[in-house]
Amino acid sequence: MQLSIKSAVNSFNYSAEQALNILTSLENELGNITVNNQPIKQLKEIIINNKLAFDNLENSQKLGVLHNNLYFSNIFYLPAISGVKLISPLGNGDNLFGDVRLDYAMLKLNYALKIEQIEKELFRFSNTSENNFNLIWLCDQLPTDEFDKIIGEYQNIYNVNLLTVLLAINKLPALNSNQQVALIYSILENISI
């Protein structure tokens, strides 16, 4: 399946609605929870306030060759050549062309939002009060500012951030409730739009 801006934008309404349903379910189950003193219901405002910007992504595509599967586990550093090797691209020759900002967004989903760590549950929550939890990562934290500077040299970071949120929202339905809360917190903490 080719992941293009058109398919991502077309699925946004469904994914946004699904994300809102997940948030409502979590709020109903746990009340007005906060993680590290940040209410998770702020994601609703991000989705609503940027709906037009998400819809306009298709009109500003940056076409090129895509990998479509840039998880850290698919990137190998080769010290002998001081370079990297990318493995396991998603798709075949016909599916590897599209908006290159999707690869940047996938990298940011991994780097800033820690999606692989969330999927592997490399975090835990500690309860600081009835409705507030601290999220504790069980892995090293990487500074995201440097990553954004590097991406900003090549792409509009605002659009990459929008796409990162879009990709993250598409991940929410497949996660358990702890993973959903961790990902929502990670979006709120690490993405500026």
Protein backbone atom coordinates (compact mmCIF):
# COMPACT_ATOMS: atom_id res chain seq x y z
CA MET A 1 0.00 0.00 0.00
CA GLN A 2 1.44 3.36 -0.99
CA LEU A 3 1.41 5.94 1.79
CA SER A 4 0.88 9.26 0.08
CA ILE A 5 -0.21 12.66 1.30
CA LYS A 6 -3.55 12.14 -0.41
CA SER A 7 -4.22 8.86 1.42
CA ALA A 8 -2.92 10.29 4.70
CA VAL A 9 -5.08 13.41 4.41
CA ASN A 10 -8.12 11.40 3.34
CA SER A 11 -7.72 9.18 6.40
CA PHE A 12 -7.21 12.14 8.73
CA ASN A 13 -10.90 12.76 9.40
CA TYR A 14 -11.39 9.15 10.42
CA SER A 15 -8.20 9.09 12.47
CA ALA A 16 -8.96 12.40 14.14
CA GLU A 17 -12.41 11.14 15.06
CA GLN A 18 -10.89 7.89 16.30
CA ALA A 19 -8.33 9.84 18.37
CA LEU A 20 -11.12 11.94 19.88
CA ASN A 21 -13.05 8.76 20.71
CA ILE A 22 -9.96 7.29 22.36
CA LEU A 23 -9.42 10.46 24.39
CA THR A 24 -13.06 10.53 25.44
CA SER A 25 -12.86 6.88 26.44
CA LEU A 26 -9.72 7.53 28.48
CA GLU A 27 -11.29 10.58 30.11
CA ASN A 28 -14.42 8.57 30.95
CA GLU A 29 -12.30 5.77 32.39
CA LEU A 30 -9.75 7.85 34.28
CA GLY A 31 -11.34 11.30 34.60
CA ASN A 32 -9.45 14.40 33.53
CA ILE A 33 -6.02 12.86 33.61
CA THR A 34 -2.79 14.72 33.13
CA VAL A 35 0.64 13.35 32.37
CA ASN A 36 3.55 15.35 33.76
CA ASN A 37 0.95 18.05 34.56
CA GLN A 38 -0.20 18.27 30.94
CA PRO A 39 -3.88 17.44 30.20
CA ILE A 40 -4.08 14.83 27.46
CA LYS A 41 -7.33 16.38 26.20
CA GLN A 42 -5.24 19.18 24.62
CA LEU A 43 -4.80 16.89 21.61
CA LYS A 44 -8.42 17.68 20.68
CA GLU A 45 -7.51 21.35 20.35
CA ILE A 46 -4.50 20.54 18.16
CA ILE A 47 -6.67 18.46 15.84
CA ILE A 48 -9.45 21.05 15.62
CA ASN A 49 -7.20 24.13 15.36
CA ASN A 50 -5.09 22.67 12.56
CA LYS A 51 -7.77 20.93 10.47
CA LEU A 52 -7.33 23.36 7.55
CA ALA A 53 -3.55 22.99 7.64
CA PHE A 54 -3.87 19.19 7.53
CA ASP A 55 -6.28 19.48 4.59
CA ASN A 56 -3.80 21.72 2.72
CA LEU A 57 -0.86 19.31 2.97
CA GLU A 58 -1.75 17.64 -0.32
CA ASN A 59 -1.35 20.92 -2.22
CA SER A 60 2.27 21.36 -1.09
CA GLN A 61 3.78 17.94 -1.73
CA LYS A 62 7.56 17.57 -2.13
CA LEU A 63 7.83 14.64 -4.51
CA GLY A 64 10.73 12.23 -4.51
CA VAL A 65 11.83 8.68 -3.70
CA LEU A 66 10.49 7.36 -0.38
CA HIS A 67 11.52 4.65 2.03
CA ASN A 68 8.09 4.60 3.77
CA ASN A 69 9.35 2.52 6.71
CA LEU A 70 11.97 4.58 8.56
CA TYR A 71 11.93 2.96 11.96
CA PHE A 72 15.27 3.06 13.75
CA SER A 73 15.41 -0.72 13.47
CA ASN A 74 15.57 -0.27 9.67
CA ILE A 75 18.53 2.14 9.77
CA PHE A 76 22.06 0.80 10.20
CA TYR A 77 25.09 2.98 10.82
CA LEU A 78 28.15 1.79 8.88
CA PRO A 79 31.27 3.19 10.56
CA ALA A 80 33.59 1.97 7.78
CA ILE A 81 32.00 4.46 5.38
CA SER A 82 30.63 6.91 7.98
CA GLY A 83 27.21 6.41 6.44
CA VAL A 84 23.94 4.61 6.89
CA LYS A 85 22.16 1.74 5.17
CA LEU A 86 18.37 1.69 5.02
CA ILE A 87 16.67 -1.69 4.89
CA SER A 88 13.09 -2.92 4.44
CA PRO A 89 11.49 -0.14 2.40
CA LEU A 90 7.72 -0.45 2.39
CA GLY A 91 6.35 -1.19 -1.06
CA ASN A 92 7.83 -1.93 -4.43
CA GLY A 93 9.13 0.28 -7.24
CA ASP A 94 5.68 1.74 -7.92
CA ASN A 95 5.10 2.59 -4.26
CA LEU A 96 8.40 4.29 -3.48
CA PHE A 97 7.60 7.66 -4.99
CA GLY A 98 5.66 10.32 -3.15
CA ASP A 99 5.99 13.18 -0.70
CA VAL A 100 9.44 12.97 0.93
CA ARG A 101 8.11 14.84 3.98
CA LEU A 102 6.50 11.54 5.01
CA ASP A 103 9.95 10.02 5.57
CA TYR A 104 10.96 13.04 7.65
CA ALA A 105 7.72 12.71 9.62
CA MET A 106 8.33 8.98 10.17
CA LEU A 107 11.81 9.76 11.47
CA LYS A 108 10.34 12.37 13.80
CA LEU A 109 7.66 9.91 14.93
CA ASN A 110 10.52 7.63 15.98
CA TYR A 111 12.96 10.25 17.23
CA ALA A 112 10.75 12.80 19.01
CA LEU A 113 7.63 10.77 19.79
CA LYS A 114 9.47 7.52 20.59
CA ILE A 115 6.92 5.31 18.82
CA GLU A 116 9.14 2.21 18.90
CA GLN A 117 9.73 2.66 22.65
CA ILE A 118 5.99 3.13 23.16
CA GLU A 119 5.13 0.03 21.11
CA LYS A 120 7.69 -1.98 23.13
CA GLU A 121 6.37 -0.41 26.37
CA LEU A 122 9.74 1.03 27.42
CA PHE A 123 8.05 3.45 29.82
CA ARG A 124 6.10 3.41 33.02
CA PHE A 125 3.74 5.73 34.87
CA SER A 126 4.00 6.82 38.47
CA ASN A 127 0.90 8.24 40.10
CA THR A 128 1.60 11.66 41.69
CA SER A 129 -2.02 12.44 42.52
CA GLU A 130 -5.46 11.08 41.74
CA ASN A 131 -5.49 12.37 38.15
CA ASN A 132 -1.83 13.16 37.42
CA PHE A 133 0.77 10.66 36.31
CA ASN A 134 4.44 11.10 35.60
CA LEU A 135 5.68 9.37 32.47
CA ILE A 136 9.07 7.81 33.00
CA TRP A 137 11.01 6.60 29.97
CA LEU A 138 13.05 3.44 30.40
CA CYS A 139 15.40 4.45 27.61
CA ASP A 140 17.75 7.33 26.87
CA GLN A 141 16.24 10.66 25.95
CA LEU A 142 17.45 12.25 22.74
CA PRO A 143 17.41 16.03 22.24
CA THR A 144 14.88 16.87 19.53
CA ASP A 145 16.02 20.44 18.88
CA GLU A 146 19.05 19.32 16.86
CA PHE A 147 16.93 16.97 14.80
CA ASP A 148 14.49 19.80 14.00
CA LYS A 149 17.37 22.07 12.95
CA ILE A 150 18.65 19.43 10.54
CA ILE A 151 15.19 18.78 9.08
CA GLY A 152 14.55 22.53 8.90
CA GLU A 153 17.48 22.88 6.51
CA TYR A 154 15.62 20.69 4.00
CA GLN A 155 11.90 20.96 4.75
CA ASN A 156 9.33 23.25 6.32
CA ILE A 157 9.34 21.97 9.91
CA TYR A 158 5.72 23.06 10.47
CA ASN A 159 4.51 20.74 7.68
CA VAL A 160 6.73 17.92 8.94
CA ASN A 161 5.22 18.40 12.41
CA LEU A 162 1.70 18.27 10.97
CA LEU A 163 2.53 15.03 9.17
CA THR A 164 4.12 13.61 12.32
CA VAL A 165 0.91 14.27 14.27
CA LEU A 166 -1.10 12.74 11.43
CA LEU A 167 1.03 9.58 11.45
CA ALA A 168 0.84 9.39 15.26
CA ILE A 169 -2.94 9.75 15.23
CA ASN A 170 -3.11 6.87 12.75
CA LYS A 171 -1.16 4.74 15.26
CA LEU A 172 -3.50 5.39 18.24
CA PRO A 173 -6.22 2.80 17.48
CA ALA A 174 -3.67 -0.06 17.43
CA LEU A 175 -2.23 0.78 20.87
CA ASN A 176 -3.37 -0.23 24.34
CA SER A 177 -4.58 2.50 26.71
CA ASN A 178 -1.19 3.01 28.42
CA GLN A 179 0.53 3.27 25.05
CA GLN A 180 -2.15 5.70 23.84
CA VAL A 181 -1.63 7.97 26.85
CA ALA A 182 2.16 7.83 26.37
CA LEU A 183 1.85 8.69 22.66
CA ILE A 184 -0.63 11.50 23.27
CA TYR A 185 1.66 12.96 25.93
CA SER A 186 4.62 12.59 23.58
CA ILE A 187 2.74 14.52 20.85
CA LEU A 188 1.87 17.32 23.27
CA GLU A 189 5.37 17.49 24.71
CA ASN A 190 7.42 17.29 21.52
CA ILE A 191 5.47 18.71 18.58
CA SER A 192 5.02 22.44 18.05
CA ILE A 193 2.26 23.43 15.63
